[in-house]
Amino acid sequence: MDWTTEGLQAEIDYRQASLRRDAAHYRVSRQSLPARPSWWRRLGHRPGPDLQGEPNGHRDNGHRDAA
């Protein structure tokens, strides 16, 4: 298929319009969702067991000189 200048410009315009429609749809759908906490907040506030005797999650019991 041979592309003319007008045909090529029409194809570019068509694809750009399609991308703009998709982007607008995505923006609207993202705005309608509830706000999600950041990954950092989710990482630091994960539900998990509260284990006694391991305050920092290590076997050293939180002390520097526990060797």
PDB file of N, CA and C in Angstrom:
ATOM      1  N   MET A   1       0.847  -1.172   0.000  1.00  0.00           N
ATOM      2  CA  MET A   1       0.000   0.000   0.000  1.00  0.00           C
ATOM      3  C   MET A   1       0.894   1.237   0.000  1.00  0.00           C
ATOM      4  N   ASP A   2       0.663   2.112  -0.884  1.00  0.00           N
ATOM      5  CA  ASP A   2       1.428   3.354  -0.947  1.00  0.00           C
ATOM      6  C   ASP A   2       0.755   4.416  -0.088  1.00  0.00           C
ATOM      7  N   TRP A   3       1.556   5.076   0.697  1.00  0.00           N
ATOM      8  CA  TRP A   3       1.046   6.124   1.576  1.00  0.00           C
ATOM      9  C   TRP A   3       1.226   7.482   0.909  1.00  0.00           C
ATOM     10  N   THR A   4       0.159   8.224   0.845  1.00  0.00           N
ATOM     11  CA  THR A   4       0.256   9.603   0.388  1.00  0.00           C
ATOM     12  C   THR A   4       0.444  10.477   1.623  1.00  0.00           C
ATOM     13  N   THR A   5       0.839  11.691   1.418  1.00  0.00           N
ATOM     14  CA  THR A   5       1.038  12.600   2.539  1.00  0.00           C
ATOM     15  C   THR A   5      -0.264  12.799   3.313  1.00  0.00           C
ATOM     16  N   GLU A   6      -1.365  12.957   2.585  1.00  0.00           N
ATOM     17  CA  GLU A   6      -2.658  13.150   3.230  1.00  0.00           C
ATOM     18  C   GLU A   6      -3.107  11.891   3.976  1.00  0.00           C
ATOM     19  N   GLY A   7      -2.879  10.728   3.351  1.00  0.00           N
ATOM     20  CA  GLY A   7      -3.256   9.467   3.987  1.00  0.00           C
ATOM     21  C   GLY A   7      -2.459   9.211   5.247  1.00  0.00           C
ATOM     22  N   LEU A   8      -1.183   9.510   5.199  1.00  0.00           N
ATOM     23  CA  LEU A   8      -0.329   9.326   6.363  1.00  0.00           C
ATOM     24  C   LEU A   8      -0.751  10.271   7.487  1.00  0.00           C
ATOM     25  N   GLN A   9      -1.024  11.506   7.137  1.00  0.00           N
ATOM     26  CA  GLN A   9      -1.455  12.474   8.150  1.00  0.00           C
ATOM     27  C   GLN A   9      -2.797  12.072   8.748  1.00  0.00           C
ATOM     28  N   ALA A  10      -3.701  11.551   7.950  1.00  0.00           N
ATOM     29  CA  ALA A  10      -4.997  11.094   8.453  1.00  0.00           C
ATOM     30  C   ALA A  10      -4.820   9.915   9.405  1.00  0.00           C
ATOM     31  N   GLU A  11      -3.918   9.001   9.072  1.00  0.00           N
ATOM     32  CA  GLU A  11      -3.655   7.852   9.945  1.00  0.00           C
ATOM     33  C   GLU A  11      -3.060   8.300  11.272  1.00  0.00           C
ATOM     34  N   ILE A  12      -2.131   9.228  11.239  1.00  0.00           N
ATOM     35  CA  ILE A  12      -1.518   9.748  12.462  1.00  0.00           C
ATOM     36  C   ILE A  12      -2.575  10.433  13.326  1.00  0.00           C
ATOM     37  N   ASP A  13      -3.403  11.262  12.702  1.00  0.00           N
ATOM     38  CA  ASP A  13      -4.459  11.954  13.447  1.00  0.00           C
ATOM     39  C   ASP A  13      -5.431  10.963  14.081  1.00  0.00           C
ATOM     40  N   TYR A  14      -5.787   9.924  13.337  1.00  0.00           N
ATOM     41  CA  TYR A  14      -6.704   8.908  13.845  1.00  0.00           C
ATOM     42  C   TYR A  14      -6.108   8.201  15.063  1.00  0.00           C
ATOM     43  N   ARG A  15      -4.835   7.809  14.967  1.00  0.00           N
ATOM     44  CA  ARG A  15      -4.208   7.095  16.079  1.00  0.00           C
ATOM     45  C   ARG A  15      -4.021   7.991  17.298  1.00  0.00           C
ATOM     46  N   GLN A  16      -3.661   9.262  17.080  1.00  0.00           N
ATOM     47  CA  GLN A  16      -3.514  10.181  18.204  1.00  0.00           C
ATOM     48  C   GLN A  16      -4.852  10.417  18.898  1.00  0.00           C
ATOM     49  N   ALA A  17      -5.908  10.559  18.131  1.00  0.00           N
ATOM     50  CA  ALA A  17      -7.232  10.753  18.719  1.00  0.00           C
ATOM     51  C   ALA A  17      -7.638   9.526  19.536  1.00  0.00           C
ATOM     52  N   SER A  18      -7.327   8.351  19.027  1.00  0.00           N
ATOM     53  CA  SER A  18      -7.641   7.127  19.742  1.00  0.00           C
ATOM     54  C   SER A  18      -6.858   7.044  21.053  1.00  0.00           C
ATOM     55  N   LEU A  19      -5.578   7.386  21.015  1.00  0.00           N
ATOM     56  CA  LEU A  19      -4.769   7.379  22.234  1.00  0.00           C
ATOM     57  C   LEU A  19      -5.277   8.398  23.247  1.00  0.00           C
ATOM     58  N   ARG A  20      -5.688   9.557  22.777  1.00  0.00           N
ATOM     59  CA  ARG A  20      -6.226  10.578  23.691  1.00  0.00           C
ATOM     60  C   ARG A  20      -7.530  10.110  24.341  1.00  0.00           C
ATOM     61  N   ARG A  21      -8.385   9.449  23.555  1.00  0.00           N
ATOM     62  CA  ARG A  21      -9.626   8.914  24.129  1.00  0.00           C
ATOM     63  C   ARG A  21      -9.326   7.862  25.191  1.00  0.00           C
ATOM     64  N   ASP A  22      -8.395   6.971  24.890  1.00  0.00           N
ATOM     65  CA  ASP A  22      -8.026   5.942  25.861  1.00  0.00           C
ATOM     66  C   ASP A  22      -7.451   6.559  27.130  1.00  0.00           C
ATOM     67  N   ALA A  23      -6.605   7.579  26.987  1.00  0.00           N
ATOM     68  CA  ALA A  23      -6.005   8.230  28.151  1.00  0.00           C
ATOM     69  C   ALA A  23      -7.074   8.924  28.991  1.00  0.00           C
ATOM     70  N   ALA A  24      -8.021   9.576  28.344  1.00  0.00           N
ATOM     71  CA  ALA A  24      -9.094  10.246  29.075  1.00  0.00           C
ATOM     72  C   ALA A  24      -9.944   9.225  29.832  1.00  0.00           C
ATOM     73  N   HIS A  25     -10.238   8.117  29.194  1.00  0.00           N
ATOM     74  CA  HIS A  25     -11.018   7.058  29.843  1.00  0.00           C
ATOM     75  C   HIS A  25     -10.268   6.506  31.045  1.00  0.00           C
ATOM     76  N   TYR A  26      -8.977   6.303  30.899  1.00  0.00           N
ATOM     77  CA  TYR A  26      -8.166   5.781  32.002  1.00  0.00           C
ATOM     78  C   TYR A  26      -8.144   6.775  33.164  1.00  0.00           C
ATOM     79  N   ARG A  27      -7.989   8.070  32.864  1.00  0.00           N
ATOM     80  CA  ARG A  27      -7.974   9.087  33.921  1.00  0.00           C
ATOM     81  C   ARG A  27      -9.280   9.089  34.698  1.00  0.00           C
ATOM     82  N   VAL A  28     -10.395   9.030  33.992  1.00  0.00           N
ATOM     83  CA  VAL A  28     -11.697   9.043  34.656  1.00  0.00           C
ATOM     84  C   VAL A  28     -11.856   7.796  35.520  1.00  0.00           C
ATOM     85  N   SER A  29     -11.451   6.651  35.013  1.00  0.00           N
ATOM     86  CA  SER A  29     -11.605   5.420  35.789  1.00  0.00           C
ATOM     87  C   SER A  29     -10.692   5.418  37.010  1.00  0.00           C
ATOM     88  N   ARG A  30      -9.495   6.011  36.902  1.00  0.00           N
ATOM     89  CA  ARG A  30      -8.584   6.081  38.052  1.00  0.00           C
ATOM     90  C   ARG A  30      -9.109   7.047  39.112  1.00  0.00           C
ATOM     91  N   GLN A  31      -9.755   8.128  38.682  1.00  0.00           N
ATOM     92  CA  GLN A  31     -10.254   9.106  39.646  1.00  0.00           C
ATOM     93  C   GLN A  31     -11.448   8.575  40.416  1.00  0.00           C
ATOM     94  N   SER A  32     -12.167   7.645  39.850  1.00  0.00           N
ATOM     95  CA  SER A  32     -13.349   7.123  40.526  1.00  0.00           C
ATOM     96  C   SER A  32     -12.999   6.064  41.568  1.00  0.00           C
ATOM     97  N   LEU A  33     -11.769   5.582  41.573  1.00  0.00           N
ATOM     98  CA  LEU A  33     -11.348   4.587  42.559  1.00  0.00           C
ATOM     99  C   LEU A  33     -10.978   5.272  43.867  1.00  0.00           C
ATOM    100  N   PRO A  34     -11.130   4.574  44.995  1.00  0.00           N
ATOM    101  CA  PRO A  34     -10.692   5.167  46.258  1.00  0.00           C
ATOM    102  C   PRO A  34      -9.165   5.305  46.279  1.00  0.00           C
ATOM    103  N   ALA A  35      -8.680   6.268  47.039  1.00  0.00           N
ATOM    104  CA  ALA A  35      -7.239   6.505  47.123  1.00  0.00           C
ATOM    105  C   ALA A  35      -6.568   5.296  47.764  1.00  0.00           C
ATOM    106  N   ARG A  36      -5.473   4.891  47.190  1.00  0.00           N
ATOM    107  CA  ARG A  36      -4.740   3.737  47.695  1.00  0.00           C
ATOM    108  C   ARG A  36      -3.507   4.223  48.454  1.00  0.00           C
ATOM    109  N   PRO A  37      -3.227   3.645  49.616  1.00  0.00           N
ATOM    110  CA  PRO A  37      -2.034   4.063  50.349  1.00  0.00           C
ATOM    111  C   PRO A  37      -0.773   3.769  49.544  1.00  0.00           C
ATOM    112  N   SER A  38       0.257   4.525  49.810  1.00  0.00           N
ATOM    113  CA  SER A  38       1.503   4.334  49.081  1.00  0.00           C
ATOM    114  C   SER A  38       2.113   2.979  49.421  1.00  0.00           C
ATOM    115  N   TRP A  39       3.022   2.521  48.576  1.00  0.00           N
ATOM    116  CA  TRP A  39       3.665   1.223  48.809  1.00  0.00           C
ATOM    117  C   TRP A  39       4.467   1.273  50.111  1.00  0.00           C
ATOM    118  N   TRP A  40       4.997   2.426  50.468  1.00  0.00           N
ATOM    119  CA  TRP A  40       5.802   2.528  51.688  1.00  0.00           C
ATOM    120  C   TRP A  40       4.913   2.360  52.924  1.00  0.00           C
ATOM    121  N   ARG A  41       3.747   2.961  52.875  1.00  0.00           N
ATOM    122  CA  ARG A  41       2.836   2.824  54.011  1.00  0.00           C
ATOM    123  C   ARG A  41       2.317   1.395  54.115  1.00  0.00           C
ATOM    124  N   ARG A  42       2.015   0.788  52.980  1.00  0.00           N
ATOM    125  CA  ARG A  42       1.545  -0.606  53.009  1.00  0.00           C
ATOM    126  C   ARG A  42       2.635  -1.532  53.536  1.00  0.00           C
ATOM    127  N   LEU A  43       3.885  -1.256  53.191  1.00  0.00           N
ATOM    128  CA  LEU A  43       4.987  -2.098  53.642  1.00  0.00           C
ATOM    129  C   LEU A  43       5.165  -1.996  55.150  1.00  0.00           C
ATOM    130  N   GLY A  44       5.070  -0.789  55.671  1.00  0.00           N
ATOM    131  CA  GLY A  44       5.285  -0.591  57.100  1.00  0.00           C
ATOM    132  C   GLY A  44       4.106  -0.919  57.974  1.00  0.00           C
ATOM    133  N   HIS A  45       2.935  -1.064  57.421  1.00  0.00           N
ATOM    134  CA  HIS A  45       1.740  -1.308  58.215  1.00  0.00           C
ATOM    135  C   HIS A  45       1.048  -2.602  57.811  1.00  0.00           C
ATOM    136  N   ARG A  46       1.854  -3.616  57.524  1.00  0.00           N
ATOM    137  CA  ARG A  46       1.276  -4.906  57.158  1.00  0.00           C
ATOM    138  C   ARG A  46       0.711  -5.603  58.384  1.00  0.00           C
ATOM    139  N   PRO A  47      -0.384  -6.309  58.213  1.00  0.00           N
ATOM    140  CA  PRO A  47      -0.870  -7.096  59.341  1.00  0.00           C
ATOM    141  C   PRO A  47       0.047  -8.291  59.544  1.00  0.00           C
ATOM    142  N   GLY A  48       0.341  -8.586  60.770  1.00  0.00           N
ATOM    143  CA  GLY A  48       1.202  -9.725  61.047  1.00  0.00           C
ATOM    144  C   GLY A  48       1.159 -10.070  62.513  1.00  0.00           C
ATOM    145  N   PRO A  49       1.788 -11.170  62.869  1.00  0.00           N
ATOM    146  CA  PRO A  49       1.760 -11.573  64.275  1.00  0.00           C
ATOM    147  C   PRO A  49       2.613 -10.632  65.118  1.00  0.00           C
ATOM    148  N   ASP A  50       2.135 -10.328  66.311  1.00  0.00           N
ATOM    149  CA  ASP A  50       2.916  -9.557  67.273  1.00  0.00           C
ATOM    150  C   ASP A  50       3.625 -10.550  68.174  1.00  0.00           C
ATOM    151  N   LEU A  51       4.871 -10.816  67.879  1.00  0.00           N
ATOM    152  CA  LEU A  51       5.627 -11.815  68.613  1.00  0.00           C
ATOM    153  C   LEU A  51       6.324 -11.165  69.805  1.00  0.00           C
ATOM    154  N   GLN A  52       6.187 -11.774  70.956  1.00  0.00           N
ATOM    155  CA  GLN A  52       6.867 -11.293  72.153  1.00  0.00           C
ATOM    156  C   GLN A  52       8.304 -11.800  72.149  1.00  0.00           C
ATOM    157  N   GLY A  53       9.221 -10.971  72.608  1.00  0.00           N
ATOM    158  CA  GLY A  53      10.609 -11.402  72.703  1.00  0.00           C
ATOM    159  C   GLY A  53      11.412 -11.079  71.453  1.00  0.00           C
ATOM    160  N   GLU A  54      10.803 -10.621  70.399  1.00  0.00           N
ATOM    161  CA  GLU A  54      11.518 -10.242  69.185  1.00  0.00           C
ATOM    162  C   GLU A  54      11.025  -8.863  68.737  1.00  0.00           C
ATOM    163  N   PRO A  55      11.403  -7.819  69.468  1.00  0.00           N
ATOM    164  CA  PRO A  55      10.856  -6.506  69.145  1.00  0.00           C
ATOM    165  C   PRO A  55      11.272  -5.975  67.784  1.00  0.00           C
ATOM    166  N   ASN A  56      12.455  -6.332  67.308  1.00  0.00           N
ATOM    167  CA  ASN A  56      12.869  -5.825  66.004  1.00  0.00           C
ATOM    168  C   ASN A  56      12.921  -6.919  64.946  1.00  0.00           C
ATOM    169  N   GLY A  57      12.395  -8.087  65.252  1.00  0.00           N
ATOM    170  CA  GLY A  57      12.330  -9.154  64.270  1.00  0.00           C
ATOM    171  C   GLY A  57      13.593  -9.976  64.149  1.00  0.00           C
ATOM    172  N   HIS A  58      14.566  -9.727  65.032  1.00  0.00           N
ATOM    173  CA  HIS A  58      15.817 -10.483  64.987  1.00  0.00           C
ATOM    174  C   HIS A  58      15.986 -11.283  66.263  1.00  0.00           C
ATOM    175  N   ARG A  59      16.842 -12.293  66.196  1.00  0.00           N
ATOM    176  CA  ARG A  59      17.071 -13.135  67.359  1.00  0.00           C
ATOM    177  C   ARG A  59      17.863 -12.425  68.455  1.00  0.00           C
ATOM    178  N   ASP A  60      18.487 -11.305  68.153  1.00  0.00           N
ATOM    179  CA  ASP A  60      19.318 -10.643  69.159  1.00  0.00           C
ATOM    180  C   ASP A  60      18.479  -9.887  70.196  1.00  0.00           C
ATOM    181  N   ASN A  61      17.156  -9.939  70.068  1.00  0.00           N
ATOM    182  CA  ASN A  61      16.252  -9.364  71.045  1.00  0.00           C
ATOM    183  C   ASN A  61      16.375  -7.854  71.161  1.00  0.00           C
ATOM    184  N   GLY A  62      16.950  -7.205  70.152  1.00  0.00           N
ATOM    185  CA  GLY A  62      17.025  -5.763  70.152  1.00  0.00           C
ATOM    186  C   GLY A  62      18.233  -5.191  70.847  1.00  0.00           C
ATOM    187  N   HIS A  63      19.098  -6.029  71.413  1.00  0.00           N
ATOM    188  CA  HIS A  63      20.270  -5.534  72.136  1.00  0.00           C
ATOM    189  C   HIS A  63      21.514  -5.585  71.247  1.00  0.00           C
ATOM    190  N   ARG A  64      22.371  -4.577  71.396  1.00  0.00           N
ATOM    191  CA  ARG A  64      23.596  -4.527  70.590  1.00  0.00           C
ATOM    192  C   ARG A  64      24.619  -5.572  71.034  1.00  0.00           C
ATOM    193  N   ASP A  65      24.687  -5.833  72.336  1.00  0.00           N
ATOM    194  CA  ASP A  65      25.751  -6.709  72.848  1.00  0.00           C
ATOM    195  C   ASP A  65      25.277  -8.128  73.099  1.00  0.00           C
ATOM    196  N   ALA A  66      24.302  -8.593  72.399  1.00  0.00           N
ATOM    197  CA  ALA A  66      23.769  -9.951  72.582  1.00  0.00           C
ATOM    198  C   ALA A  66      24.485 -10.911  71.641  1.00  0.00           C
ATOM    199  N   ALA A  67      25.733 -11.173  71.914  1.00  0.00           N
ATOM    200  CA  ALA A  67      26.498 -12.082  71.040  1.00  0.00           C
ATOM    201  C   ALA A  67      26.869 -13.357  71.712  1.00  0.00           C
TER     202      ALA A  67
END
